[in-house]
Amino acid sequence: MKVFGYCRVSTAEQASNGDSLETQKQQITGYAMMKGWTVSGFFVETGVSGSVPLADRPEGQRLLTAVVRDDVIVAAKLDRMFRSSDDALATLKGLKAEGIALHLIDLGGDVIGNGIGKLVFTILAAVAESERDRIRERIRDVKRHLASQGIYGGGKRPFGFDVIDGRIVPNAAEQAVIDRMIEMRASGSSYRAICSATGITDPSTAKRILQRQKVPLIAT
């Protein structure tokens, strides 16, 4: 049996809020000592979001490849390993099938062999995913507010506008294309016909441009 620690930070700021890599390593080492184990190695993930599935992270992939039956994986917290309930439960199922134990210190230890631990794990994994979704929605709200103020909030430049000195300003040529698209759509033209007439790459792009302009939709 070998024991492996998994640590992750997504941003430099976490070094100051109790989730630093060194703090996680100390917690894992201390937990292993209480169990009479020796940590064989650490898999350390830096600058990787918890929303990325464990198997798709560089160190997460190495960890899952390295462990074999009767090995133990230890992490300091649930959210260091997972932020998606689907990923958490799928990984848990796979580890259990392969005879590999998973211990999450903030959940009291074993979340595979302990029924209560597994229940708490399932609930908190769903909570972690919900929290991530709320953060995404707040980011979208901020970007929408900035756009309403004519301030560029990052991302792809919207068709019909240029970004100059951090502000969104109309692009005269593309605005003329949008005007023509609006006229064609209002007269019943399909998105495909609009693309052919204006040079827009595909119907889905034309639809997004017109929806942004709040044009009433007509069935294609």
C-alpha atoms as a PDB file:
ATOM      1  CA  MET A   1       0.000   0.000   0.000  1.00  0.00           C
ATOM      2  CA  LYS A   2       1.201   3.479  -0.877  1.00  0.00           C
ATOM      3  CA  VAL A   3      -0.187   6.810   0.288  1.00  0.00           C
ATOM      4  CA  PHE A   4      -0.223   9.806  -2.046  1.00  0.00           C
ATOM      5  CA  GLY A   5      -1.128  13.391  -1.263  1.00  0.00           C
ATOM      6  CA  TYR A   6      -2.923  15.658  -3.712  1.00  0.00           C
ATOM      7  CA  CYS A   7      -2.666  19.453  -3.414  1.00  0.00           C
ATOM      8  CA  ARG A   8      -4.059  22.212  -5.619  1.00  0.00           C
ATOM      9  CA  VAL A   9      -4.145  25.988  -5.781  1.00  0.00           C
ATOM     10  CA  SER A  10      -5.769  27.899  -8.613  1.00  0.00           C
ATOM     11  CA  THR A  11      -4.453  31.383  -7.801  1.00  0.00           C
ATOM     12  CA  ALA A  12      -1.582  33.003  -5.953  1.00  0.00           C
ATOM     13  CA  GLU A  13      -4.065  34.610  -3.545  1.00  0.00           C
ATOM     14  CA  GLN A  14      -4.816  31.241  -1.957  1.00  0.00           C
ATOM     15  CA  ALA A  15      -1.371  31.319  -0.404  1.00  0.00           C
ATOM     16  CA  SER A  16      -2.726  33.801   2.142  1.00  0.00           C
ATOM     17  CA  ASN A  17      -6.116  32.290   2.990  1.00  0.00           C
ATOM     18  CA  GLY A  18      -5.195  28.942   4.490  1.00  0.00           C
ATOM     19  CA  ASP A  19      -5.188  26.932   1.276  1.00  0.00           C
ATOM     20  CA  SER A  20      -1.506  27.324   0.374  1.00  0.00           C
ATOM     21  CA  LEU A  21       0.358  24.317  -0.976  1.00  0.00           C
ATOM     22  CA  GLU A  22       2.561  24.192   2.111  1.00  0.00           C
ATOM     23  CA  THR A  23      -0.478  24.232   4.408  1.00  0.00           C
ATOM     24  CA  GLN A  24      -2.104  21.423   2.445  1.00  0.00           C
ATOM     25  CA  LYS A  25       1.073  19.328   2.553  1.00  0.00           C
ATOM     26  CA  GLN A  26       1.352  19.800   6.317  1.00  0.00           C
ATOM     27  CA  GLN A  27      -2.266  18.769   6.839  1.00  0.00           C
ATOM     28  CA  ILE A  28      -1.854  15.664   4.682  1.00  0.00           C
ATOM     29  CA  THR A  29       1.429  14.684   6.355  1.00  0.00           C
ATOM     30  CA  GLY A  30      -0.080  15.132   9.827  1.00  0.00           C
ATOM     31  CA  TYR A  31      -3.155  13.095   8.924  1.00  0.00           C
ATOM     32  CA  ALA A  32      -0.989  10.297   7.528  1.00  0.00           C
ATOM     33  CA  MET A  33       1.124  10.235  10.701  1.00  0.00           C
ATOM     34  CA  MET A  34      -2.013   9.826  12.829  1.00  0.00           C
ATOM     35  CA  LYS A  35      -2.936   6.830  10.677  1.00  0.00           C
ATOM     36  CA  GLY A  36       0.558   5.375  10.956  1.00  0.00           C
ATOM     37  CA  TRP A  37       1.211   5.970   7.259  1.00  0.00           C
ATOM     38  CA  THR A  38       4.104   7.480   5.357  1.00  0.00           C
ATOM     39  CA  VAL A  39       3.315   9.690   2.385  1.00  0.00           C
ATOM     40  CA  SER A  40       5.059   8.219  -0.654  1.00  0.00           C
ATOM     41  CA  GLY A  41       4.705  11.375  -2.712  1.00  0.00           C
ATOM     42  CA  PHE A  42       2.707  14.491  -3.478  1.00  0.00           C
ATOM     43  CA  PHE A  43       0.967  15.451  -6.688  1.00  0.00           C
ATOM     44  CA  VAL A  44       0.892  19.238  -6.706  1.00  0.00           C
ATOM     45  CA  GLU A  45      -1.392  21.194  -9.038  1.00  0.00           C
ATOM     46  CA  THR A  46      -0.747  24.919  -9.472  1.00  0.00           C
ATOM     47  CA  GLY A  47      -2.780  27.431 -11.435  1.00  0.00           C
ATOM     48  CA  VAL A  48      -5.511  24.925 -12.316  1.00  0.00           C
ATOM     49  CA  SER A  49      -9.196  25.612 -11.672  1.00  0.00           C
ATOM     50  CA  GLY A  50     -11.200  23.111  -9.657  1.00  0.00           C
ATOM     51  CA  SER A  51     -13.822  23.177 -12.407  1.00  0.00           C
ATOM     52  CA  VAL A  52     -11.427  21.162 -14.594  1.00  0.00           C
ATOM     53  CA  PRO A  53     -12.132  17.429 -14.091  1.00  0.00           C
ATOM     54  CA  LEU A  54      -9.475  15.706 -11.993  1.00  0.00           C
ATOM     55  CA  ALA A  55      -8.495  13.352 -14.832  1.00  0.00           C
ATOM     56  CA  ASP A  56      -7.975  16.327 -17.179  1.00  0.00           C
ATOM     57  CA  ARG A  57      -5.525  18.137 -14.893  1.00  0.00           C
ATOM     58  CA  PRO A  58      -1.812  17.389 -15.461  1.00  0.00           C
ATOM     59  CA  GLU A  59      -1.097  16.205 -11.909  1.00  0.00           C
ATOM     60  CA  GLY A  60      -4.555  14.732 -11.430  1.00  0.00           C
ATOM     61  CA  GLN A  61      -4.010  12.554 -14.472  1.00  0.00           C
ATOM     62  CA  ARG A  62      -0.583  11.466 -13.194  1.00  0.00           C
ATOM     63  CA  LEU A  63      -2.085  10.618  -9.810  1.00  0.00           C
ATOM     64  CA  LEU A  64      -4.885   8.483 -11.234  1.00  0.00           C
ATOM     65  CA  THR A  65      -2.360   6.679 -13.430  1.00  0.00           C
ATOM     66  CA  ALA A  66       0.033   6.036 -10.542  1.00  0.00           C
ATOM     67  CA  VAL A  67      -2.351   4.562  -7.965  1.00  0.00           C
ATOM     68  CA  VAL A  68      -3.130   0.846  -7.838  1.00  0.00           C
ATOM     69  CA  ARG A  69      -5.322  -1.399  -5.685  1.00  0.00           C
ATOM     70  CA  ASP A  70      -4.991  -0.809  -1.908  1.00  0.00           C
ATOM     71  CA  ASP A  71      -3.323   2.587  -2.404  1.00  0.00           C
ATOM     72  CA  VAL A  72      -4.656   5.655  -0.595  1.00  0.00           C
ATOM     73  CA  ILE A  73      -5.177   9.198  -1.890  1.00  0.00           C
ATOM     74  CA  VAL A  74      -5.338  11.979   0.704  1.00  0.00           C
ATOM     75  CA  ALA A  75      -6.370  15.601   0.117  1.00  0.00           C
ATOM     76  CA  ALA A  76      -6.858  18.373   2.649  1.00  0.00           C
ATOM     77  CA  LYS A  77     -10.257  19.505   1.387  1.00  0.00           C
ATOM     78  CA  LEU A  78     -13.012  18.410  -0.948  1.00  0.00           C
ATOM     79  CA  ASP A  79     -12.710  21.552  -3.068  1.00  0.00           C
ATOM     80  CA  ARG A  80      -8.990  20.929  -3.637  1.00  0.00           C
ATOM     81  CA  MET A  81      -9.964  17.851  -5.653  1.00  0.00           C
ATOM     82  CA  PHE A  82     -13.430  18.633  -6.989  1.00  0.00           C
ATOM     83  CA  ARG A  83     -15.748  21.506  -7.835  1.00  0.00           C
ATOM     84  CA  SER A  84     -18.144  19.454  -9.959  1.00  0.00           C
ATOM     85  CA  SER A  85     -20.465  16.952  -8.310  1.00  0.00           C
ATOM     86  CA  ASP A  86     -20.528  14.860 -11.498  1.00  0.00           C
ATOM     87  CA  ASP A  87     -16.721  14.652 -11.575  1.00  0.00           C
ATOM     88  CA  ALA A  88     -16.562  13.941  -7.846  1.00  0.00           C
ATOM     89  CA  LEU A  89     -19.060  11.087  -7.938  1.00  0.00           C
ATOM     90  CA  ALA A  90     -17.649   9.571 -11.144  1.00  0.00           C
ATOM     91  CA  THR A  91     -14.117   9.627  -9.711  1.00  0.00           C
ATOM     92  CA  LEU A  92     -15.331   8.157  -6.419  1.00  0.00           C
ATOM     93  CA  LYS A  93     -17.059   5.329  -8.276  1.00  0.00           C
ATOM     94  CA  GLY A  94     -13.941   4.602 -10.342  1.00  0.00           C
ATOM     95  CA  LEU A  95     -11.625   4.567  -7.323  1.00  0.00           C
ATOM     96  CA  LYS A  96     -13.959   2.270  -5.404  1.00  0.00           C
ATOM     97  CA  ALA A  97     -14.100  -0.175  -8.322  1.00  0.00           C
ATOM     98  CA  GLU A  98     -10.291  -0.275  -8.433  1.00  0.00           C
ATOM     99  CA  GLY A  99      -9.921  -0.772  -4.677  1.00  0.00           C
ATOM    100  CA  ILE A 100      -8.315   2.625  -4.077  1.00  0.00           C
ATOM    101  CA  ALA A 101      -9.179   4.623  -0.957  1.00  0.00           C
ATOM    102  CA  LEU A 102      -9.863   8.361  -0.931  1.00  0.00           C
ATOM    103  CA  HIS A 103      -9.486  10.341   2.292  1.00  0.00           C
ATOM    104  CA  LEU A 104     -10.587  13.975   2.504  1.00  0.00           C
ATOM    105  CA  ILE A 105      -9.446  15.481   5.775  1.00  0.00           C
ATOM    106  CA  ASP A 106     -12.162  18.147   5.997  1.00  0.00           C
ATOM    107  CA  LEU A 107     -14.811  15.408   5.708  1.00  0.00           C
ATOM    108  CA  GLY A 108     -13.282  13.330   8.470  1.00  0.00           C
ATOM    109  CA  GLY A 109     -11.271  10.929   6.335  1.00  0.00           C
ATOM    110  CA  ASP A 110     -12.440   7.959   4.282  1.00  0.00           C
ATOM    111  CA  VAL A 111     -15.235   8.897   1.860  1.00  0.00           C
ATOM    112  CA  ILE A 112     -15.411   5.518   0.117  1.00  0.00           C
ATOM    113  CA  GLY A 113     -15.588   2.931   2.885  1.00  0.00           C
ATOM    114  CA  ASN A 114     -17.498   5.131   5.330  1.00  0.00           C
ATOM    115  CA  GLY A 115     -21.210   5.443   4.487  1.00  0.00           C
ATOM    116  CA  ILE A 116     -21.689   8.723   6.373  1.00  0.00           C
ATOM    117  CA  GLY A 117     -18.551  10.173   4.820  1.00  0.00           C
ATOM    118  CA  LYS A 118     -19.813   9.286   1.357  1.00  0.00           C
ATOM    119  CA  LEU A 119     -23.173  10.955   2.065  1.00  0.00           C
ATOM    120  CA  VAL A 120     -21.500  14.151   3.260  1.00  0.00           C
ATOM    121  CA  PHE A 121     -19.137  13.988   0.282  1.00  0.00           C
ATOM    122  CA  THR A 122     -22.072  13.777  -2.156  1.00  0.00           C
ATOM    123  CA  ILE A 123     -23.894  16.713  -0.565  1.00  0.00           C
ATOM    124  CA  LEU A 124     -20.847  18.965  -0.345  1.00  0.00           C
ATOM    125  CA  ALA A 125     -19.748  18.155  -3.898  1.00  0.00           C
ATOM    126  CA  ALA A 126     -23.122  19.441  -5.101  1.00  0.00           C
ATOM    127  CA  VAL A 127     -22.747  22.547  -2.913  1.00  0.00           C
ATOM    128  CA  ALA A 128     -19.265  23.229  -4.322  1.00  0.00           C
ATOM    129  CA  GLU A 129     -20.618  23.019  -7.875  1.00  0.00           C
ATOM    130  CA  SER A 130     -23.481  25.374  -7.001  1.00  0.00           C
ATOM    131  CA  GLU A 131     -21.014  27.883  -5.555  1.00  0.00           C
ATOM    132  CA  ARG A 132     -18.945  27.773  -8.752  1.00  0.00           C
ATOM    133  CA  ASP A 133     -22.082  28.401 -10.837  1.00  0.00           C
ATOM    134  CA  ARG A 134     -22.949  31.431  -8.688  1.00  0.00           C
ATOM    135  CA  ILE A 135     -19.460  32.851  -9.236  1.00  0.00           C
ATOM    136  CA  ARG A 136     -19.856  32.430 -12.996  1.00  0.00           C
ATOM    137  CA  GLU A 137     -23.205  34.209 -12.894  1.00  0.00           C
ATOM    138  CA  ARG A 138     -21.699  37.122 -10.939  1.00  0.00           C
ATOM    139  CA  ILE A 139     -18.946  37.427 -13.554  1.00  0.00           C
ATOM    140  CA  ARG A 140     -21.566  37.483 -16.329  1.00  0.00           C
ATOM    141  CA  ASP A 141     -23.522  40.173 -14.441  1.00  0.00           C
ATOM    142  CA  VAL A 142     -20.411  42.336 -14.124  1.00  0.00           C
ATOM    143  CA  LYS A 143     -19.638  41.983 -17.835  1.00  0.00           C
ATOM    144  CA  ARG A 144     -23.226  42.864 -18.770  1.00  0.00           C
ATOM    145  CA  HIS A 145     -23.085  45.947 -16.534  1.00  0.00           C
ATOM    146  CA  LEU A 146     -19.772  47.066 -18.043  1.00  0.00           C
ATOM    147  CA  ALA A 147     -21.167  46.602 -21.550  1.00  0.00           C
ATOM    148  CA  SER A 148     -24.222  48.708 -20.667  1.00  0.00           C
ATOM    149  CA  GLN A 149     -21.823  51.485 -19.654  1.00  0.00           C
ATOM    150  CA  GLY A 150     -19.865  51.169 -22.892  1.00  0.00           C
ATOM    151  CA  ILE A 151     -16.868  49.643 -21.100  1.00  0.00           C
ATOM    152  CA  TYR A 152     -15.110  46.598 -22.545  1.00  0.00           C
ATOM    153  CA  GLY A 153     -15.229  43.720 -20.056  1.00  0.00           C
ATOM    154  CA  GLY A 154     -12.967  41.321 -21.922  1.00  0.00           C
ATOM    155  CA  GLY A 155     -13.693  38.366 -24.153  1.00  0.00           C
ATOM    156  CA  LYS A 156     -14.409  38.342 -27.873  1.00  0.00           C
ATOM    157  CA  ARG A 157     -15.148  41.689 -29.524  1.00  0.00           C
ATOM    158  CA  PRO A 158     -18.878  41.876 -30.323  1.00  0.00           C
ATOM    159  CA  PHE A 159     -19.708  42.157 -34.024  1.00  0.00           C
ATOM    160  CA  GLY A 160     -20.664  45.732 -34.874  1.00  0.00           C
ATOM    161  CA  PHE A 161     -18.305  47.325 -32.384  1.00  0.00           C
ATOM    162  CA  ASP A 162     -14.631  48.134 -31.877  1.00  0.00           C
ATOM    163  CA  VAL A 163     -12.724  48.399 -28.612  1.00  0.00           C
ATOM    164  CA  ILE A 164     -10.845  51.695 -28.358  1.00  0.00           C
ATOM    165  CA  ASP A 165      -9.082  52.748 -25.154  1.00  0.00           C
ATOM    166  CA  GLY A 166     -11.073  50.215 -23.165  1.00  0.00           C
ATOM    167  CA  ARG A 167     -14.462  51.391 -24.411  1.00  0.00           C
ATOM    168  CA  ILE A 168     -16.890  49.827 -26.880  1.00  0.00           C
ATOM    169  CA  VAL A 169     -17.613  52.073 -29.872  1.00  0.00           C
ATOM    170  CA  PRO A 170     -19.725  51.341 -32.970  1.00  0.00           C
ATOM    171  CA  ASN A 171     -17.990  50.050 -36.096  1.00  0.00           C
ATOM    172  CA  ALA A 172     -19.708  51.905 -38.964  1.00  0.00           C
ATOM    173  CA  ALA A 173     -19.180  49.198 -41.604  1.00  0.00           C
ATOM    174  CA  GLU A 174     -20.376  46.367 -39.377  1.00  0.00           C
ATOM    175  CA  GLN A 175     -23.308  48.433 -38.105  1.00  0.00           C
ATOM    176  CA  ALA A 176     -24.403  48.814 -41.734  1.00  0.00           C
ATOM    177  CA  VAL A 177     -24.275  45.016 -42.087  1.00  0.00           C
ATOM    178  CA  ILE A 178     -26.393  44.650 -38.953  1.00  0.00           C
ATOM    179  CA  ASP A 179     -28.948  47.129 -40.319  1.00  0.00           C
ATOM    180  CA  ARG A 180     -29.247  45.025 -43.466  1.00  0.00           C
ATOM    181  CA  MET A 181     -29.577  41.835 -41.405  1.00  0.00           C
ATOM    182  CA  ILE A 182     -32.380  43.421 -39.381  1.00  0.00           C
ATOM    183  CA  GLU A 183     -34.232  44.446 -42.544  1.00  0.00           C
ATOM    184  CA  MET A 184     -33.860  40.994 -44.114  1.00  0.00           C
ATOM    185  CA  ARG A 185     -34.965  39.193 -40.965  1.00  0.00           C
ATOM    186  CA  ALA A 186     -37.955  41.499 -40.536  1.00  0.00           C
ATOM    187  CA  SER A 187     -39.018  40.684 -44.099  1.00  0.00           C
ATOM    188  CA  GLY A 188     -38.897  36.952 -43.355  1.00  0.00           C
ATOM    189  CA  SER A 189     -35.463  35.952 -44.684  1.00  0.00           C
ATOM    190  CA  SER A 190     -33.884  32.861 -43.147  1.00  0.00           C
ATOM    191  CA  TYR A 191     -30.595  33.037 -41.270  1.00  0.00           C
ATOM    192  CA  ARG A 192     -28.950  31.095 -44.079  1.00  0.00           C
ATOM    193  CA  ALA A 193     -30.143  33.655 -46.645  1.00  0.00           C
ATOM    194  CA  ILE A 194     -28.869  36.463 -44.424  1.00  0.00           C
ATOM    195  CA  CYS A 195     -25.453  34.785 -44.257  1.00  0.00           C
ATOM    196  CA  SER A 196     -25.304  34.471 -48.044  1.00  0.00           C
ATOM    197  CA  ALA A 197     -26.162  38.141 -48.498  1.00  0.00           C
ATOM    198  CA  THR A 198     -23.908  39.600 -45.810  1.00  0.00           C
ATOM    199  CA  GLY A 199     -20.918  37.259 -45.608  1.00  0.00           C
ATOM    200  CA  ILE A 200     -21.622  36.177 -42.021  1.00  0.00           C
ATOM    201  CA  THR A 201     -19.953  32.795 -41.492  1.00  0.00           C
ATOM    202  CA  ASP A 202     -22.894  30.670 -40.347  1.00  0.00           C
ATOM    203  CA  PRO A 203     -26.596  30.887 -39.376  1.00  0.00           C
ATOM    204  CA  SER A 204     -25.938  30.462 -35.642  1.00  0.00           C
ATOM    205  CA  THR A 205     -23.625  33.493 -35.686  1.00  0.00           C
ATOM    206  CA  ALA A 206     -26.231  35.539 -37.546  1.00  0.00           C
ATOM    207  CA  LYS A 207     -28.851  34.519 -34.978  1.00  0.00           C
ATOM    208  CA  ARG A 208     -26.633  35.591 -32.063  1.00  0.00           C
ATOM    209  CA  ILE A 209     -25.930  38.965 -33.673  1.00  0.00           C
ATOM    210  CA  LEU A 210     -29.619  39.643 -34.220  1.00  0.00           C
ATOM    211  CA  GLN A 211     -30.619  38.437 -30.764  1.00  0.00           C
ATOM    212  CA  ARG A 212     -28.131  40.892 -29.316  1.00  0.00           C
ATOM    213  CA  GLN A 213     -29.994  43.581 -31.236  1.00  0.00           C
ATOM    214  CA  LYS A 214     -33.284  42.332 -29.685  1.00  0.00           C
ATOM    215  CA  VAL A 215     -34.880  41.697 -33.060  1.00  0.00           C
ATOM    216  CA  PRO A 216     -38.174  39.716 -32.817  1.00  0.00           C
ATOM    217  CA  LEU A 217     -37.471  36.126 -33.841  1.00  0.00           C
ATOM    218  CA  ILE A 218     -39.148  34.657 -36.910  1.00  0.00           C
ATOM    219  CA  ALA A 219     -39.185  30.885 -37.412  1.00  0.00           C
ATOM    220  CA  THR A 220     -36.520  29.637 -39.821  1.00  0.00           C
END
